Amino acid sequence: MIFEKIRDLIVSRTNLSESVVTMQASLKDDLGLDSFDLAELGMELEDAFTVTISDEELIAFHTVRDIVTFMENNKE
């Protein structure tokens, strides 16, 4: 469920196909997210999952799996 929610947020932000957004997908190289996109996605993730993501944590997200792992470890 966490992955699907993250995938849906990325798809709505990028207009990419769901099939492109995989656990292994690189946010920058595969999905084409730049630092602005990542900052915006971070705010959407905070709202969707009721978590706080620091700038350092956001910068550490390289793949979709990184985001999923963070959310699993920080969910309430």
PDB file of N, CA and C in Angstrom:
ATOM      1  N   MET A   1       0.802  -1.193   0.000  1.00  0.00           N
ATOM      2  CA  MET A   1       0.000   0.000   0.000  1.00  0.00           C
ATOM      3  C   MET A   1       0.851   1.267   0.000  1.00  0.00           C
ATOM      4  N   ILE A   2       1.943   1.262   0.745  1.00  0.00           N
ATOM      5  CA  ILE A   2       2.820   2.430   0.787  1.00  0.00           C
ATOM      6  C   ILE A   2       3.390   2.693  -0.600  1.00  0.00           C
ATOM      7  N   PHE A   3       3.904   1.643  -1.241  1.00  0.00           N
ATOM      8  CA  PHE A   3       4.467   1.819  -2.579  1.00  0.00           C
ATOM      9  C   PHE A   3       3.428   2.388  -3.535  1.00  0.00           C
ATOM     10  N   GLU A   4       2.230   1.844  -3.504  1.00  0.00           N
ATOM     11  CA  GLU A   4       1.183   2.284  -4.430  1.00  0.00           C
ATOM     12  C   GLU A   4       0.842   3.752  -4.229  1.00  0.00           C
ATOM     13  N   LYS A   5       0.800   4.174  -2.977  1.00  0.00           N
ATOM     14  CA  LYS A   5       0.487   5.574  -2.674  1.00  0.00           C
ATOM     15  C   LYS A   5       1.601   6.493  -3.188  1.00  0.00           C
ATOM     16  N   ILE A   6       2.849   6.084  -2.974  1.00  0.00           N
ATOM     17  CA  ILE A   6       3.992   6.859  -3.458  1.00  0.00           C
ATOM     18  C   ILE A   6       3.992   6.884  -4.982  1.00  0.00           C
ATOM     19  N   ARG A   7       3.764   5.726  -5.586  1.00  0.00           N
ATOM     20  CA  ARG A   7       3.706   5.647  -7.050  1.00  0.00           C
ATOM     21  C   ARG A   7       2.648   6.599  -7.598  1.00  0.00           C
ATOM     22  N   ASP A   8       1.479   6.607  -6.984  1.00  0.00           N
ATOM     23  CA  ASP A   8       0.400   7.475  -7.452  1.00  0.00           C
ATOM     24  C   ASP A   8       0.779   8.950  -7.346  1.00  0.00           C
ATOM     25  N   LEU A   9       1.465   9.325  -6.268  1.00  0.00           N
ATOM     26  CA  LEU A   9       1.914  10.714  -6.129  1.00  0.00           C
ATOM     27  C   LEU A   9       2.913  11.076  -7.223  1.00  0.00           C
ATOM     28  N   ILE A  10       3.840  10.170  -7.504  1.00  0.00           N
ATOM     29  CA  ILE A  10       4.840  10.428  -8.545  1.00  0.00           C
ATOM     30  C   ILE A  10       4.181  10.502  -9.916  1.00  0.00           C
ATOM     31  N   VAL A  11       3.273   9.586 -10.199  1.00  0.00           N
ATOM     32  CA  VAL A  11       2.579   9.573 -11.494  1.00  0.00           C
ATOM     33  C   VAL A  11       1.794  10.867 -11.691  1.00  0.00           C
ATOM     34  N   SER A  12       1.110  11.325 -10.650  1.00  0.00           N
ATOM     35  CA  SER A  12       0.317  12.552 -10.794  1.00  0.00           C
ATOM     36  C   SER A  12       1.203  13.775 -10.990  1.00  0.00           C
ATOM     37  N   ARG A  13       2.407  13.739 -10.422  1.00  0.00           N
ATOM     38  CA  ARG A  13       3.327  14.873 -10.551  1.00  0.00           C
ATOM     39  C   ARG A  13       4.039  14.872 -11.900  1.00  0.00           C
ATOM     40  N   THR A  14       4.310  13.693 -12.448  1.00  0.00           N
ATOM     41  CA  THR A  14       5.162  13.595 -13.639  1.00  0.00           C
ATOM     42  C   THR A  14       4.424  13.206 -14.908  1.00  0.00           C
ATOM     43  N   ASN A  15       3.228  12.684 -14.775  1.00  0.00           N
ATOM     44  CA  ASN A  15       2.481  12.150 -15.920  1.00  0.00           C
ATOM     45  C   ASN A  15       3.166  10.941 -16.555  1.00  0.00           C
ATOM     46  N   LEU A  16       4.039  10.279 -15.801  1.00  0.00           N
ATOM     47  CA  LEU A  16       4.660   9.043 -16.274  1.00  0.00           C
ATOM     48  C   LEU A  16       3.669   7.895 -16.128  1.00  0.00           C
ATOM     49  N   SER A  17       3.915   6.831 -16.853  1.00  0.00           N
ATOM     50  CA  SER A  17       3.110   5.622 -16.727  1.00  0.00           C
ATOM     51  C   SER A  17       3.425   4.941 -15.396  1.00  0.00           C
ATOM     52  N   GLU A  18       2.417   4.325 -14.802  1.00  0.00           N
ATOM     53  CA  GLU A  18       2.636   3.583 -13.554  1.00  0.00           C
ATOM     54  C   GLU A  18       3.715   2.521 -13.712  1.00  0.00           C
ATOM     55  N   SER A  19       3.821   1.928 -14.895  1.00  0.00           N
ATOM     56  CA  SER A  19       4.783   0.843 -15.112  1.00  0.00           C
ATOM     57  C   SER A  19       6.230   1.321 -15.021  1.00  0.00           C
ATOM     58  N   VAL A  20       6.460   2.610 -15.197  1.00  0.00           N
ATOM     59  CA  VAL A  20       7.813   3.167 -15.131  1.00  0.00           C
ATOM     60  C   VAL A  20       8.246   3.370 -13.680  1.00  0.00           C
ATOM     61  N   VAL A  21       7.288   3.610 -12.811  1.00  0.00           N
ATOM     62  CA  VAL A  21       7.583   3.906 -11.411  1.00  0.00           C
ATOM     63  C   VAL A  21       7.664   2.587 -10.645  1.00  0.00           C
ATOM     64  N   THR A  22       8.880   2.067 -10.565  1.00  0.00           N
ATOM     65  CA  THR A  22       9.140   0.808  -9.873  1.00  0.00           C
ATOM     66  C   THR A  22       9.950   1.080  -8.608  1.00  0.00           C
ATOM     67  N   MET A  23      10.077   0.079  -7.768  1.00  0.00           N
ATOM     68  CA  MET A  23      10.867   0.228  -6.547  1.00  0.00           C
ATOM     69  C   MET A  23      12.317   0.599  -6.855  1.00  0.00           C
ATOM     70  N   GLN A  24      12.840   0.071  -7.964  1.00  0.00           N
ATOM     71  CA  GLN A  24      14.239   0.295  -8.307  1.00  0.00           C
ATOM     72  C   GLN A  24      14.468   1.587  -9.087  1.00  0.00           C
ATOM     73  N   ALA A  25      13.418   2.254  -9.498  1.00  0.00           N
ATOM     74  CA  ALA A  25      13.553   3.430 -10.358  1.00  0.00           C
ATOM     75  C   ALA A  25      14.314   4.548  -9.653  1.00  0.00           C
ATOM     76  N   SER A  26      15.303   5.084 -10.368  1.00  0.00           N
ATOM     77  CA  SER A  26      16.043   6.243  -9.884  1.00  0.00           C
ATOM     78  C   SER A  26      15.167   7.477 -10.046  1.00  0.00           C
ATOM     79  N   LEU A  27      15.050   8.252  -8.982  1.00  0.00           N
ATOM     80  CA  LEU A  27      14.206   9.441  -9.044  1.00  0.00           C
ATOM     81  C   LEU A  27      14.712  10.418 -10.098  1.00  0.00           C
ATOM     82  N   LYS A  28      16.015  10.553 -10.198  1.00  0.00           N
ATOM     83  CA  LYS A  28      16.605  11.499 -11.151  1.00  0.00           C
ATOM     84  C   LYS A  28      16.745  10.884 -12.539  1.00  0.00           C
ATOM     85  N   ASP A  29      17.428   9.760 -12.631  1.00  0.00           N
ATOM     86  CA  ASP A  29      17.778   9.197 -13.937  1.00  0.00           C
ATOM     87  C   ASP A  29      16.601   8.544 -14.647  1.00  0.00           C
ATOM     88  N   ASP A  30      15.788   7.783 -13.924  1.00  0.00           N
ATOM     89  CA  ASP A  30      14.682   7.060 -14.558  1.00  0.00           C
ATOM     90  C   ASP A  30      13.394   7.876 -14.622  1.00  0.00           C
ATOM     91  N   LEU A  31      13.147   8.665 -13.578  1.00  0.00           N
ATOM     92  CA  LEU A  31      11.878   9.387 -13.498  1.00  0.00           C
ATOM     93  C   LEU A  31      12.007  10.862 -13.864  1.00  0.00           C
ATOM     94  N   GLY A  32      13.245  11.338 -13.993  1.00  0.00           N
ATOM     95  CA  GLY A  32      13.474  12.710 -14.443  1.00  0.00           C
ATOM     96  C   GLY A  32      13.146  13.788 -13.427  1.00  0.00           C
ATOM     97  N   LEU A  33      13.148  13.437 -12.138  1.00  0.00           N
ATOM     98  CA  LEU A  33      12.853  14.434 -11.114  1.00  0.00           C
ATOM     99  C   LEU A  33      14.080  15.293 -10.845  1.00  0.00           C
ATOM    100  N   ASP A  34      13.890  16.612 -10.834  1.00  0.00           N
ATOM    101  CA  ASP A  34      14.980  17.506 -10.457  1.00  0.00           C
ATOM    102  C   ASP A  34      14.788  17.913  -8.992  1.00  0.00           C
ATOM    103  N   SER A  35      15.651  18.781  -8.489  1.00  0.00           N
ATOM    104  CA  SER A  35      15.587  19.138  -7.070  1.00  0.00           C
ATOM    105  C   SER A  35      14.271  19.836  -6.719  1.00  0.00           C
ATOM    106  N   PHE A  36      13.735  20.636  -7.631  1.00  0.00           N
ATOM    107  CA  PHE A  36      12.447  21.288  -7.389  1.00  0.00           C
ATOM    108  C   PHE A  36      11.335  20.250  -7.298  1.00  0.00           C
ATOM    109  N   ASP A  37      11.331  19.298  -8.240  1.00  0.00           N
ATOM    110  CA  ASP A  37      10.325  18.230  -8.220  1.00  0.00           C
ATOM    111  C   ASP A  37      10.405  17.436  -6.921  1.00  0.00           C
ATOM    112  N   LEU A  38      11.624  17.150  -6.494  1.00  0.00           N
ATOM    113  CA  LEU A  38      11.812  16.364  -5.275  1.00  0.00           C
ATOM    114  C   LEU A  38      11.312  17.129  -4.049  1.00  0.00           C
ATOM    115  N   ALA A  39      11.561  18.433  -4.010  1.00  0.00           N
ATOM    116  CA  ALA A  39      11.072  19.252  -2.897  1.00  0.00           C
ATOM    117  C   ALA A  39       9.542  19.250  -2.866  1.00  0.00           C
ATOM    118  N   GLU A  40       8.931  19.404  -4.028  1.00  0.00           N
ATOM    119  CA  GLU A  40       7.467  19.382  -4.117  1.00  0.00           C
ATOM    120  C   GLU A  40       6.919  18.008  -3.712  1.00  0.00           C
ATOM    121  N   LEU A  41       7.566  16.957  -4.207  1.00  0.00           N
ATOM    122  CA  LEU A  41       7.153  15.603  -3.849  1.00  0.00           C
ATOM    123  C   LEU A  41       7.288  15.393  -2.342  1.00  0.00           C
ATOM    124  N   GLY A  42       8.361  15.918  -1.770  1.00  0.00           N
ATOM    125  CA  GLY A  42       8.564  15.800  -0.326  1.00  0.00           C
ATOM    126  C   GLY A  42       7.410  16.388   0.462  1.00  0.00           C
ATOM    127  N   MET A  43       6.927  17.551   0.038  1.00  0.00           N
ATOM    128  CA  MET A  43       5.790  18.176   0.722  1.00  0.00           C
ATOM    129  C   MET A  43       4.524  17.334   0.564  1.00  0.00           C
ATOM    130  N   GLU A  44       4.337  16.777  -0.617  1.00  0.00           N
ATOM    131  CA  GLU A  44       3.173  15.915  -0.847  1.00  0.00           C
ATOM    132  C   GLU A  44       3.257  14.648   0.000  1.00  0.00           C
ATOM    133  N   LEU A  45       4.459  14.096   0.111  1.00  0.00           N
ATOM    134  CA  LEU A  45       4.654  12.902   0.937  1.00  0.00           C
ATOM    135  C   LEU A  45       4.377  13.206   2.406  1.00  0.00           C
ATOM    136  N   GLU A  46       4.849  14.366   2.876  1.00  0.00           N
ATOM    137  CA  GLU A  46       4.597  14.751   4.264  1.00  0.00           C
ATOM    138  C   GLU A  46       3.098  14.821   4.542  1.00  0.00           C
ATOM    139  N   ASP A  47       2.354  15.411   3.620  1.00  0.00           N
ATOM    140  CA  ASP A  47       0.901  15.512   3.793  1.00  0.00           C
ATOM    141  C   ASP A  47       0.232  14.142   3.723  1.00  0.00           C
ATOM    142  N   ALA A  48       0.624  13.346   2.742  1.00  0.00           N
ATOM    143  CA  ALA A  48      -0.030  12.056   2.512  1.00  0.00           C
ATOM    144  C   ALA A  48       0.233  11.056   3.636  1.00  0.00           C
ATOM    145  N   PHE A  49       1.428  11.120   4.220  1.00  0.00           N
ATOM    146  CA  PHE A  49       1.813  10.125   5.228  1.00  0.00           C
ATOM    147  C   PHE A  49       1.900  10.699   6.643  1.00  0.00           C
ATOM    148  N   THR A  50       1.625  11.985   6.794  1.00  0.00           N
ATOM    149  CA  THR A  50       1.703  12.653   8.093  1.00  0.00           C
ATOM    150  C   THR A  50       3.060  12.401   8.753  1.00  0.00           C
ATOM    151  N   VAL A  51       4.108  12.726   8.009  1.00  0.00           N
ATOM    152  CA  VAL A  51       5.479  12.604   8.506  1.00  0.00           C
ATOM    153  C   VAL A  51       6.190  13.926   8.245  1.00  0.00           C
ATOM    154  N   THR A  52       7.341  14.079   8.869  1.00  0.00           N
ATOM    155  CA  THR A  52       8.210  15.216   8.591  1.00  0.00           C
ATOM    156  C   THR A  52       9.465  14.678   7.929  1.00  0.00           C
ATOM    157  N   ILE A  53       9.839  15.291   6.809  1.00  0.00           N
ATOM    158  CA  ILE A  53      11.030  14.875   6.073  1.00  0.00           C
ATOM    159  C   ILE A  53      11.998  16.050   6.068  1.00  0.00           C
ATOM    160  N   SER A  54      13.161  15.863   6.676  1.00  0.00           N
ATOM    161  CA  SER A  54      14.164  16.929   6.698  1.00  0.00           C
ATOM    162  C   SER A  54      14.806  17.061   5.320  1.00  0.00           C
ATOM    163  N   ASP A  55      15.468  18.183   5.101  1.00  0.00           N
ATOM    164  CA  ASP A  55      16.165  18.381   3.830  1.00  0.00           C
ATOM    165  C   ASP A  55      17.215  17.298   3.610  1.00  0.00           C
ATOM    166  N   GLU A  56      17.903  16.916   4.682  1.00  0.00           N
ATOM    167  CA  GLU A  56      18.934  15.885   4.578  1.00  0.00           C
ATOM    168  C   GLU A  56      18.329  14.544   4.177  1.00  0.00           C
ATOM    169  N   GLU A  57      17.186  14.224   4.759  1.00  0.00           N
ATOM    170  CA  GLU A  57      16.512  12.966   4.419  1.00  0.00           C
ATOM    171  C   GLU A  57      16.020  12.999   2.979  1.00  0.00           C
ATOM    172  N   LEU A  58      15.491  14.134   2.567  1.00  0.00           N
ATOM    173  CA  LEU A  58      14.985  14.277   1.203  1.00  0.00           C
ATOM    174  C   LEU A  58      16.108  14.093   0.184  1.00  0.00           C
ATOM    175  N   ILE A  59      17.253  14.682   0.464  1.00  0.00           N
ATOM    176  CA  ILE A  59      18.405  14.569  -0.432  1.00  0.00           C
ATOM    177  C   ILE A  59      18.887  13.122  -0.525  1.00  0.00           C
ATOM    178  N   ALA A  60      18.671  12.342   0.532  1.00  0.00           N
ATOM    179  CA  ALA A  60      19.127  10.946   0.557  1.00  0.00           C
ATOM    180  C   ALA A  60      18.237  10.019  -0.267  1.00  0.00           C
ATOM    181  N   PHE A  61      17.078  10.500  -0.719  1.00  0.00           N
ATOM    182  CA  PHE A  61      16.201   9.677  -1.548  1.00  0.00           C
ATOM    183  C   PHE A  61      16.757   9.618  -2.968  1.00  0.00           C
ATOM    184  N   HIS A  62      17.214   8.431  -3.376  1.00  0.00           N
ATOM    185  CA  HIS A  62      17.728   8.246  -4.735  1.00  0.00           C
ATOM    186  C   HIS A  62      16.810   7.368  -5.575  1.00  0.00           C
ATOM    187  N   THR A  63      16.114   6.456  -4.908  1.00  0.00           N
ATOM    188  CA  THR A  63      15.210   5.547  -5.613  1.00  0.00           C
ATOM    189  C   THR A  63      13.841   5.570  -4.934  1.00  0.00           C
ATOM    190  N   VAL A  64      12.867   5.027  -5.613  1.00  0.00           N
ATOM    191  CA  VAL A  64      11.539   4.896  -5.019  1.00  0.00           C
ATOM    192  C   VAL A  64      11.629   4.026  -3.769  1.00  0.00           C
ATOM    193  N   ARG A  65      12.465   2.995  -3.804  1.00  0.00           N
ATOM    194  CA  ARG A  65      12.650   2.122  -2.633  1.00  0.00           C
ATOM    195  C   ARG A  65      13.110   2.930  -1.414  1.00  0.00           C
ATOM    196  N   ASP A  66      13.973   3.915  -1.608  1.00  0.00           N
ATOM    197  CA  ASP A  66      14.427   4.752  -0.492  1.00  0.00           C
ATOM    198  C   ASP A  66      13.245   5.452   0.179  1.00  0.00           C
ATOM    199  N   ILE A  67      12.318   5.944  -0.631  1.00  0.00           N
ATOM    200  CA  ILE A  67      11.140   6.627  -0.084  1.00  0.00           C
ATOM    201  C   ILE A  67      10.256   5.633   0.664  1.00  0.00           C
ATOM    202  N   VAL A  68      10.022   4.476   0.059  1.00  0.00           N
ATOM    203  CA  VAL A  68       9.183   3.451   0.691  1.00  0.00           C
ATOM    204  C   VAL A  68       9.782   3.039   2.034  1.00  0.00           C
ATOM    205  N   THR A  69      11.076   2.786   2.067  1.00  0.00           N
ATOM    206  CA  THR A  69      11.749   2.383   3.304  1.00  0.00           C
ATOM    207  C   THR A  69      11.610   3.460   4.370  1.00  0.00           C
ATOM    208  N   PHE A  70      11.807   4.717   3.975  1.00  0.00           N
ATOM    209  CA  PHE A  70      11.652   5.824   4.924  1.00  0.00           C
ATOM    210  C   PHE A  70      10.246   5.847   5.499  1.00  0.00           C
ATOM    211  N   MET A  71       9.256   5.717   4.642  1.00  0.00           N
ATOM    212  CA  MET A  71       7.862   5.769   5.104  1.00  0.00           C
ATOM    213  C   MET A  71       7.537   4.586   6.015  1.00  0.00           C
ATOM    214  N   GLU A  72       8.050   3.406   5.688  1.00  0.00           N
ATOM    215  CA  GLU A  72       7.821   2.231   6.544  1.00  0.00           C
ATOM    216  C   GLU A  72       8.432   2.437   7.925  1.00  0.00           C
ATOM    217  N   ASN A  73       9.595   3.069   7.970  1.00  0.00           N
ATOM    218  CA  ASN A  73      10.299   3.269   9.237  1.00  0.00           C
ATOM    219  C   ASN A  73       9.768   4.445  10.044  1.00  0.00           C
ATOM    220  N   ASN A  74       9.003   5.324   9.416  1.00  0.00           N
ATOM    221  CA  ASN A  74       8.559   6.541  10.095  1.00  0.00           C
ATOM    222  C   ASN A  74       7.051   6.700  10.179  1.00  0.00           C
ATOM    223  N   LYS A  75       6.319   5.663   9.791  1.00  0.00           N
ATOM    224  CA  LYS A  75       4.861   5.782   9.866  1.00  0.00           C
ATOM    225  C   LYS A  75       4.410   5.736  11.315  1.00  0.00           C
ATOM    226  N   GLU A  76       3.297   6.389  11.552  1.00  0.00           N
ATOM    227  CA  GLU A  76       2.793   6.460  12.929  1.00  0.00           C
ATOM    228  C   GLU A  76       1.909   5.291  13.255  1.00  0.00           C
TER     229      GLU A  76
END
